[in-house]
Structure formats: structure tokens, C-alpha cells
Protein backbone atom coordinates (compact mmCIF):
# COMPACT_ATOMS: atom_id res chain seq x y z
CA UNK A 1 6.64 58.95 83.28
CA UNK A 2 10.21 57.91 84.15
CA UNK A 3 12.97 59.69 82.28
CA UNK A 4 15.04 57.70 79.80
CA UNK A 5 18.20 58.16 81.84
CA UNK A 6 16.47 56.65 84.89
CA UNK A 7 15.73 53.49 82.92
CA UNK A 8 19.32 53.43 81.64
CA UNK A 9 20.63 53.55 85.22
CA UNK A 10 18.34 50.64 86.14
CA UNK A 11 19.57 48.78 83.06
CA UNK A 12 23.14 49.27 84.26
CA UNK A 13 22.15 47.85 87.66
CA UNK A 14 20.74 44.75 85.96
CA UNK A 15 23.96 44.34 83.95
CA UNK A 16 26.09 44.63 87.09
CA UNK A 17 23.93 42.12 88.96
CA UNK A 18 24.24 39.56 86.18
CA UNK A 19 27.93 40.34 85.82
CA UNK A 20 28.65 39.76 89.51
CA UNK A 21 26.99 36.35 89.25
CA UNK A 22 29.16 35.39 86.27
CA UNK A 23 32.35 36.73 87.84
CA UNK A 24 32.55 34.63 91.01
CA UNK A 25 34.11 31.54 89.40
CA UNK A 26 36.72 33.16 87.14
CA UNK A 27 37.63 35.82 89.72
CA UNK A 28 38.39 33.22 92.37
CA UNK A 29 40.24 31.10 89.81
CA UNK A 30 42.53 33.87 88.53
CA UNK A 31 42.65 36.24 91.49
CA UNK A 32 41.24 39.78 91.55
CA UNK A 33 44.09 41.47 89.65
CA UNK A 34 44.46 38.86 86.91
CA UNK A 35 40.70 38.56 86.43
CA UNK A 36 40.34 42.34 86.12
CA UNK A 37 43.29 42.49 83.72
CA UNK A 38 41.88 39.86 81.36
CA UNK A 39 38.42 41.38 81.66
CA UNK A 40 39.63 44.89 80.82
CA UNK A 41 41.72 43.71 77.89
CA UNK A 42 38.83 41.79 76.33
CA UNK A 43 36.39 44.66 76.88
CA UNK A 44 38.84 47.22 75.45
CA UNK A 45 39.14 45.14 72.28
CA UNK A 46 35.34 44.92 72.02
CA UNK A 47 34.77 48.64 72.56
CA UNK A 48 37.50 49.81 70.17
CA UNK A 49 36.18 47.46 67.49
CA UNK A 50 32.74 49.03 67.84
CA UNK A 51 34.15 52.56 68.08
CA UNK A 52 36.34 52.27 64.99
CA UNK A 53 33.49 50.67 63.06
CA UNK A 54 31.21 53.57 63.95
CA UNK A 55 33.92 56.24 63.49
CA UNK A 56 32.27 57.94 60.47
CA UNK A 57 29.22 58.63 62.68
CA UNK A 58 31.11 59.79 65.75
CA UNK A 59 33.42 57.35 67.46
CA UNK A 60 36.66 58.62 68.94
CA UNK A 61 36.48 61.78 66.79
CA UNK A 62 33.59 62.95 68.97
CA UNK A 63 35.89 63.29 71.99
CA UNK A 64 37.28 66.83 72.34
CA UNK A 65 40.99 67.01 73.31
CA UNK A 66 40.20 68.36 76.78
CA UNK A 67 38.06 65.29 77.55
CA UNK A 68 40.86 62.74 77.42
CA UNK A 69 42.37 63.61 80.80
CA UNK A 70 39.09 63.35 82.75
CA UNK A 71 38.28 60.10 80.96
CA UNK A 72 41.71 58.72 81.78
CA UNK A 73 41.47 59.75 85.44
CA UNK A 74 37.95 58.34 85.67
CA UNK A 75 39.20 55.04 84.23
CA UNK A 76 42.07 54.84 86.71
CA UNK A 77 39.85 55.59 89.71
CA UNK A 78 36.67 53.74 88.78
CA UNK A 79 37.99 50.78 86.79
CA UNK A 80 41.64 50.21 87.66
CA UNK A 81 41.30 50.77 91.41
CA UNK A 82 37.56 50.27 91.90
CA UNK A 83 37.23 47.09 89.85
CA UNK A 84 40.14 45.33 91.51
CA UNK A 85 38.93 46.37 94.97
CA UNK A 86 35.42 45.08 94.27
CA UNK A 87 36.53 41.66 93.03
CA UNK A 88 39.06 41.35 95.86
CA UNK A 89 36.18 42.02 98.26
CA UNK A 90 33.94 39.55 96.44
CA UNK A 91 36.61 36.86 96.66
CA UNK A 92 36.64 37.31 100.45
CA UNK A 93 32.96 37.96 101.19
CA UNK A 94 31.00 36.48 98.27
CA UNK A 95 28.71 38.38 95.88
CA UNK A 96 25.86 38.99 98.35
CA UNK A 97 27.78 40.73 101.13
CA UNK A 98 30.17 42.51 98.78
CA UNK A 99 27.09 43.73 96.90
CA UNK A 100 25.53 45.44 99.90
CA UNK A 101 28.75 47.28 100.70
CA UNK A 102 29.27 48.32 97.09
CA UNK A 103 25.70 49.67 97.04
CA UNK A 104 26.90 52.45 99.34
CA UNK A 105 28.24 54.14 96.20
CA UNK A 106 24.74 55.65 95.95
CA UNK A 107 25.27 57.50 99.22
CA UNK A 108 28.75 58.60 98.16
CA UNK A 109 27.32 59.81 94.83
CA UNK A 110 24.55 61.78 96.52
CA UNK A 111 26.97 63.53 98.89
CA UNK A 112 29.52 64.29 96.17
CA UNK A 113 26.84 65.49 93.78
CA UNK A 114 25.51 67.87 96.44
CA UNK A 115 28.90 69.16 97.65
CA UNK A 116 30.81 69.40 94.35
CA UNK A 117 28.12 69.92 91.70
CA UNK A 118 25.46 71.59 93.83
CA UNK A 119 22.84 69.02 92.77
CA UNK A 120 19.45 69.21 94.47
CA UNK A 121 16.73 66.58 94.43
CA UNK A 122 13.09 67.01 95.43
CA UNK A 123 11.49 65.65 98.59
CA UNK A 124 9.81 62.75 96.78
CA UNK A 125 13.04 61.68 95.08
CA UNK A 126 14.95 62.04 98.36
CA UNK A 127 12.40 59.82 100.14
CA UNK A 128 12.66 57.36 97.26
CA UNK A 129 16.44 57.33 97.61
CA UNK A 130 16.22 56.60 101.34
CA UNK A 131 13.72 53.76 100.77
CA UNK A 132 15.82 52.35 97.95
CA UNK A 133 19.00 52.27 100.02
CA UNK A 134 17.12 50.88 103.03
CA UNK A 135 15.65 48.17 100.83
CA UNK A 136 19.02 47.22 99.38
CA UNK A 137 20.61 47.00 102.82
CA UNK A 138 17.71 45.01 104.28
CA UNK A 139 17.60 42.57 101.36
CA UNK A 140 21.31 41.82 101.47
CA UNK A 141 22.20 42.10 105.16
CA UNK A 142 19.19 40.03 106.29
CA UNK A 143 18.73 38.08 103.09
CA UNK A 144 20.74 34.99 104.04
CA UNK A 145 18.91 31.89 105.18
CA UNK A 146 20.17 30.30 108.40
CA UNK A 147 20.78 26.97 106.65
CA UNK A 148 22.69 28.49 103.71
CA UNK A 149 26.18 26.98 103.68
CA UNK A 150 27.00 27.56 100.01
CA UNK A 151 30.63 28.35 99.21
CA UNK A 152 29.61 31.83 98.02
CA UNK A 153 28.60 32.67 101.59
CA UNK A 154 31.89 31.47 103.13
CA UNK A 155 34.57 33.84 104.42
CA UNK A 156 37.73 33.42 102.36
CA UNK A 157 40.36 35.68 103.85
CA UNK A 158 40.18 38.55 106.31
CA UNK A 159 36.59 39.82 106.61
CA UNK A 160 37.65 43.30 107.71
CA UNK A 161 39.87 43.64 104.65
CA UNK A 162 36.95 42.55 102.47
CA UNK A 163 34.70 45.23 103.99
CA UNK A 164 37.28 47.99 103.47
CA UNK A 165 37.90 46.87 99.87
CA UNK A 166 34.17 46.91 99.05
CA UNK A 167 33.79 50.41 100.54
CA UNK A 168 36.84 51.56 98.55
CA UNK A 169 35.23 50.20 95.38
CA UNK A 170 32.02 52.09 96.18
CA UNK A 171 33.88 55.35 96.75
CA UNK A 172 35.84 54.89 93.52
CA UNK A 173 32.60 54.30 91.58
CA UNK A 174 31.12 57.54 92.92
CA UNK A 175 34.30 59.54 92.27
CA UNK A 176 34.58 58.17 88.73
CA UNK A 177 31.00 59.27 87.95
CA UNK A 178 31.73 62.72 89.34
CA UNK A 179 34.91 63.07 87.25
CA UNK A 180 33.32 61.92 83.99
CA UNK A 181 30.07 63.89 84.33
CA UNK A 182 31.41 67.12 82.68
CA UNK A 183 32.63 65.10 79.69
CA UNK A 184 29.35 63.28 79.18
CA UNK A 185 27.27 66.48 79.11
CA UNK A 186 29.39 67.78 76.22
CA UNK A 187 27.19 67.72 73.09
CA UNK A 188 27.98 64.95 70.62
CA UNK A 189 30.28 62.86 72.82
CA UNK A 190 30.05 59.17 71.93
CA UNK A 191 29.59 57.15 75.16
CA UNK A 192 31.05 53.99 73.57
CA UNK A 193 34.24 55.84 72.62
CA UNK A 194 34.37 57.36 76.11
CA UNK A 195 34.06 53.88 77.61
CA UNK A 196 36.81 52.62 75.31
CA UNK A 197 39.21 55.31 76.52
CA UNK A 198 38.44 54.65 80.19
CA UNK A 199 38.88 50.89 79.88
CA UNK A 200 42.05 51.23 77.79
CA UNK A 201 43.75 53.45 80.36
CA UNK A 202 42.83 51.03 83.13
CA UNK A 203 44.11 48.11 81.05
CA UNK A 204 47.48 49.78 80.47
CA UNK A 205 47.74 50.50 84.19
CA UNK A 206 47.06 46.85 84.94
CA UNK A 207 49.86 45.65 82.65
CA UNK A 208 52.27 48.26 84.05
CA UNK A 209 51.50 46.92 87.52
CA UNK A 210 52.13 43.36 86.35
CA UNK A 211 55.42 44.35 84.69
CA UNK A 212 56.56 46.07 87.90
CA UNK A 213 56.75 42.68 89.59
CA UNK A 214 53.88 43.29 92.02
CA UNK A 215 53.22 39.81 93.36
CA UNK A 216 49.45 40.14 93.82
CA UNK A 217 49.05 41.04 90.12
CA UNK A 218 50.12 37.56 89.06
CA UNK A 219 47.35 35.01 88.43
CA UNK A 220 46.76 32.51 91.19
CA UNK A 221 46.08 29.82 88.55
CA UNK A 222 46.58 29.56 84.80
CA UNK A 223 43.55 30.70 82.80
CA UNK A 224 41.55 28.02 81.03
CA UNK A 225 39.47 28.48 77.90
CA UNK A 226 36.24 28.21 79.91
CA UNK A 227 37.45 30.82 82.41
CA UNK A 228 38.40 33.23 79.62
CA UNK A 229 34.99 32.79 77.97
CA UNK A 230 33.25 33.53 81.28
CA UNK A 231 35.52 36.53 81.79
CA UNK A 232 34.73 37.87 78.32
CA UNK A 233 30.97 37.44 78.80
CA UNK A 234 31.19 39.12 82.20
CA UNK A 235 33.18 42.00 80.72
CA UNK A 236 30.73 42.53 77.87
CA UNK A 237 27.67 42.50 80.13
CA UNK A 238 28.92 44.34 83.22
CA UNK A 239 31.64 46.61 81.90
CA UNK A 240 30.99 47.05 78.20
CA UNK A 241 27.20 47.36 78.37
CA UNK A 242 26.58 48.35 82.00
CA UNK A 243 29.28 51.00 82.17
CA UNK A 244 28.23 52.51 78.85
CA UNK A 245 24.61 52.71 80.04
CA UNK A 246 25.78 54.66 83.10
CA UNK A 247 27.73 57.10 80.92
CA UNK A 248 24.67 57.66 78.72
CA UNK A 249 22.52 58.18 81.84
CA UNK A 250 24.99 60.77 83.13
CA UNK A 251 24.51 62.86 79.98
CA UNK A 252 21.16 64.10 81.29
CA UNK A 253 20.80 62.60 84.75
CA UNK A 254 22.22 63.84 88.03
CA UNK A 255 25.14 61.97 89.61
CA UNK A 256 23.08 61.38 92.77
CA UNK A 257 19.99 59.98 91.02
CA UNK A 258 21.98 57.79 88.64
CA UNK A 259 23.99 56.51 91.60
CA UNK A 260 20.87 55.64 93.60
CA UNK A 261 19.12 53.84 90.75
CA UNK A 262 22.22 51.92 89.69
CA UNK A 263 22.71 50.77 93.30
CA UNK A 264 19.72 48.40 93.17
CA UNK A 265 21.86 45.70 91.54
CA UNK A 266 22.18 43.68 94.80
CA UNK A 267 18.37 43.37 94.96
CA UNK A 268 18.22 42.36 91.30
CA UNK A 269 20.87 39.77 92.15
CA UNK A 270 18.51 38.01 94.62
CA UNK A 271 16.25 36.29 92.05
CA UNK A 272 19.33 35.48 89.97
CA UNK A 273 20.93 33.76 92.96
CA UNK A 274 17.63 31.95 93.57
CA UNK A 275 17.66 30.61 90.02
CA UNK A 276 21.36 29.81 90.14
CA UNK A 277 21.48 28.13 93.55
CA UNK A 278 17.90 26.84 93.73
CA UNK A 279 17.42 28.37 97.17
CA UNK A 280 14.58 30.73 98.04
CA UNK A 281 15.80 34.02 99.62
CA UNK A 282 14.90 34.67 103.25
CA UNK A 283 11.69 36.62 104.05
CA UNK A 284 13.72 39.72 104.93
CA UNK A 285 15.09 39.71 101.40
CA UNK A 286 11.58 40.07 100.00
CA UNK A 287 10.86 42.90 102.46
CA UNK A 288 14.01 44.66 101.27
CA UNK A 289 13.08 44.09 97.65
CA UNK A 290 9.64 45.59 98.29
CA UNK A 291 11.16 48.71 99.86
CA UNK A 292 13.52 49.02 96.92
CA UNK A 293 10.68 48.77 94.40
CA UNK A 294 8.68 51.39 96.32
CA UNK A 295 11.67 53.74 96.56
CA UNK A 296 12.59 53.28 92.92
CA UNK A 297 9.00 54.00 91.92
CA UNK A 298 9.05 57.30 93.85
CA UNK A 299 12.22 58.33 92.01
CA UNK A 300 10.96 57.30 88.59
CA UNK A 301 7.59 59.05 89.01
CA UNK A 302 8.95 62.23 90.59
């Protein structure tokens, strides 16, 4: 039977897939920095409301003093830098191609977990990880139909810059998981409160950057009510729910395994894009999805 933390990591992947679909419009409207700033602010308000409401049962009181610095650093690396890099890449490459590059965070997580934490995974789980990553790459790299000219597949900006930004986002995601792992294995730590601290630090950093006069931090267009609603929904699904699920998974799961399972979001995005755009994915996308399902099954049933 699959462990609970495995299912939580897959749940996070589903949240990120849905979130990336919702984010395309508002991110391109506001720009990567402004979109991330609004998103973080709205999510911080949501998480602190929940945390303060649940304070008598844990909340921020569950966080030991020594945990605040790792949480803050994890928020700066994974959310402040990683989030902006990912949406900047998505604005240039679209959700499909940015997704495959971001999925490399599974490989980064596996290497970092082995080198820094001394994590070891069995042969079956290792084979499952290889199949999962191969399936993700196949589904996304070869998943575009030849006649697909949708705007989400267009190159907007320098492609090389988009690739580097997506890889930076993947590395930041892996590093953030590594940094926050010791905090999450502390008994009694509330993952919602931990998420609130991480998002709040990243939000403050965003506003400091804006106040510094950094030109790219300014919105490319004024936010509309519809854009802010989409941004809030995206933040709740992808950051509020998805990020918290990852933190809960890290309480008992290994950084490498959680990274691999949460990397399947690009494959989960395929049927969502099919429903959204009304276009059937290419045959190679189904082959990749099949490899991913097989690999994920090997990990879950290890």
C-alpha cells in the first residue's frame, strides 16, 4: 500500500498542474514579479487567517524559535526566487515547456537528498523514479502536435533565458525542500503555520524589491478585478494547498521521493490542457503518461 506522504506529494503535483493552468493569463498580464507579489500577498493573508484561527490547537506557537531561520531561508529560495523564475520562464515558453524543465527538480532533489542527507532508496523505487522522469520528459518534450499554434506554445522573449529561468526555479524548489526538511520532522510543527512564515518572508522580500526601484518588479499592466480573482485562486490551489501538502509529505517522506512524485505535475497538466484547449495531446504524450503511471506505481508499491 502507498504511504500517506506519497499520496500527499501526488496531491501537491495535481495542485501545481491546475495552478499553472490558471496562472498563464494573470502572469502574462501583470508580469512575473507583480503576479508573484500579488499571489504571495493573498496567500499570506489566507494562511495567517487559518493559522491564527487554529492557534489554540497549534498554529504559530508550534514553531520552535530555531525553526524560523530555516523557514525564512526556504521561503526566500523556493518562493521569492523560485516562483518568480518559474513564472518568468512560463511567460517566455508557455506552461508545457516550462513544466518539463521545472520537473527536473526531482533530479535535483534526489542528488541533494543523497549527498546532503544521505538518503537511500531501493532498487524498485529508483527504477520507478527513472521511469517517472522519463515519462514526464517524453510527455512534454514530444507532446506537442505539429498543427498546434496556440498562443501558449509561442515563444515570447528569449528562449535560452526561459530555459535557464525554469532550471533555476527547479533548483530553488529542490534546495527549499532540503532546507525545510529538518523543521518539518520536528514533532508537533504545524505545516500551515510553516507555510505562512515562508510565504510571508517571500512577500516582504517582493515589496522590498519593488520599493528599491527595480524596474522589472513593476507591473506591466494595471491589475483588474478578474486578474486578481484568478491570482487568488491560483495562489490558494498551487501555493496555499500544494505547498502545504509538500511540507506535510516531508514530515515522513524522503526529499528525493517527495521530489520525484511531485514532479509528475506536467503529465497531470496534459488532460487539463486537453479540456481547456479542446485539443487531443500527441501520441507521444500518452506514451510518456503511461511511463509516468508505471514509474509512479513502482514507487508507491515499493
